[in-house]
Amino acid sequence: MFMNANKVEEGKPRRNILRGFVNFFGSLKQEFKHISWTNRKELKKLTKVVLGSTFTVGLLIYVVDMGIQKFLAIVHFIIQRIFG
């Protein structure tokens, strides 16, 4: 059998959960200091790019979908005329 490395030995105190949370949020605060935040002007520009590209891709999907619908309608019409 394998030994369980995470097993708490008798007599040893368990880790303090509160200390773990404090350490986690302390590390999180330090990591936030390393982030390079965008300024308002750049944020507006990038938001416009995202919205524009989303609209463009949505419009492209709509046009392709309408084309496929028209194509299938024509195929359906032809099949109905041939087979009654």
Protein backbone atom coordinates (compact mmCIF):
# COMPACT_ATOMS: atom_id res chain seq x y z
CA MET A 1 0.00 0.00 0.00
CA PHE A 2 1.04 3.55 -0.63
CA MET A 3 1.66 5.96 2.21
CA ASN A 4 -0.61 8.99 2.34
CA ALA A 5 1.65 12.05 2.42
CA ASN A 6 -1.21 14.31 3.45
CA LYS A 7 -2.11 12.27 6.49
CA VAL A 8 -2.01 14.27 9.72
CA GLU A 9 0.16 12.58 12.28
CA GLU A 10 -1.17 12.21 15.80
CA GLY A 11 -0.05 14.93 18.15
CA LYS A 12 0.70 17.44 15.36
CA PRO A 13 -1.64 20.43 15.19
CA ARG A 14 -3.54 20.94 11.96
CA ARG A 15 -2.85 23.97 9.77
CA ASN A 16 -4.61 27.10 10.78
CA ILE A 17 -7.23 27.82 8.12
CA LEU A 18 -7.45 31.50 9.01
CA ARG A 19 -3.70 31.91 8.51
CA GLY A 20 -4.06 30.29 5.07
CA PHE A 21 -6.72 32.82 4.06
CA VAL A 22 -4.62 35.73 5.32
CA ASN A 23 -1.60 34.47 3.37
CA PHE A 24 -3.69 33.98 0.24
CA PHE A 25 -5.16 37.49 0.30
CA GLY A 26 -1.76 38.99 1.11
CA SER A 27 -0.29 37.28 -1.94
CA LEU A 28 -3.29 38.36 -4.00
CA LYS A 29 -2.70 42.00 -3.01
CA GLN A 30 0.94 41.75 -4.10
CA GLU A 31 -0.06 40.25 -7.45
CA PHE A 32 -2.51 43.09 -8.10
CA LYS A 33 0.40 45.52 -7.76
CA HIS A 34 2.14 43.75 -10.69
CA ILE A 35 -0.82 44.23 -13.06
CA SER A 36 -0.46 47.01 -15.62
CA TRP A 37 -3.92 48.59 -15.80
CA THR A 38 -5.05 50.34 -18.98
CA ASN A 39 -5.92 54.02 -18.94
CA ARG A 40 -9.38 55.34 -19.79
CA LYS A 41 -8.49 56.37 -23.37
CA GLU A 42 -7.04 52.97 -24.24
CA LEU A 43 -9.96 51.21 -22.55
CA LYS A 44 -12.48 53.12 -24.69
CA LYS A 45 -10.51 52.33 -27.85
CA LEU A 46 -10.29 48.62 -27.06
CA THR A 47 -13.97 48.49 -26.12
CA LYS A 48 -14.87 49.95 -29.51
CA VAL A 49 -12.68 47.35 -31.22
CA VAL A 50 -14.37 44.51 -29.32
CA LEU A 51 -17.88 45.81 -29.99
CA GLY A 52 -17.11 46.45 -33.67
CA SER A 53 -15.61 43.02 -34.22
CA THR A 54 -18.48 41.36 -32.35
CA PHE A 55 -21.01 43.19 -34.55
CA THR A 56 -19.07 42.31 -37.71
CA VAL A 57 -18.80 38.61 -36.86
CA GLY A 58 -22.48 38.52 -35.87
CA LEU A 59 -23.45 40.13 -39.17
CA LEU A 60 -21.25 37.68 -41.07
CA ILE A 61 -22.89 34.72 -39.32
CA TYR A 62 -26.33 36.19 -40.11
CA VAL A 63 -25.51 36.59 -43.82
CA VAL A 64 -24.09 33.06 -44.09
CA ASP A 65 -27.15 31.67 -42.27
CA MET A 66 -29.52 33.48 -44.60
CA GLY A 67 -27.58 32.18 -47.60
CA ILE A 68 -27.79 28.60 -46.33
CA GLN A 69 -31.55 29.04 -45.73
CA LYS A 70 -32.11 30.33 -49.26
CA PHE A 71 -30.01 27.51 -50.71
CA LEU A 72 -31.98 24.88 -48.77
CA ALA A 73 -35.28 26.50 -49.80
CA ILE A 74 -34.25 26.26 -53.47
CA VAL A 75 -33.18 22.61 -53.02
CA HIS A 76 -36.49 21.87 -51.27
CA PHE A 77 -38.43 23.55 -54.10
CA ILE A 78 -36.54 21.55 -56.74
CA ILE A 79 -37.08 18.25 -54.89
CA GLN A 80 -40.79 18.99 -54.52
CA ARG A 81 -41.11 19.70 -58.26
CA ILE A 82 -39.22 16.54 -59.21
CA PHE A 83 -40.82 14.06 -56.79
CA GLY A 84 -44.17 15.72 -56.30
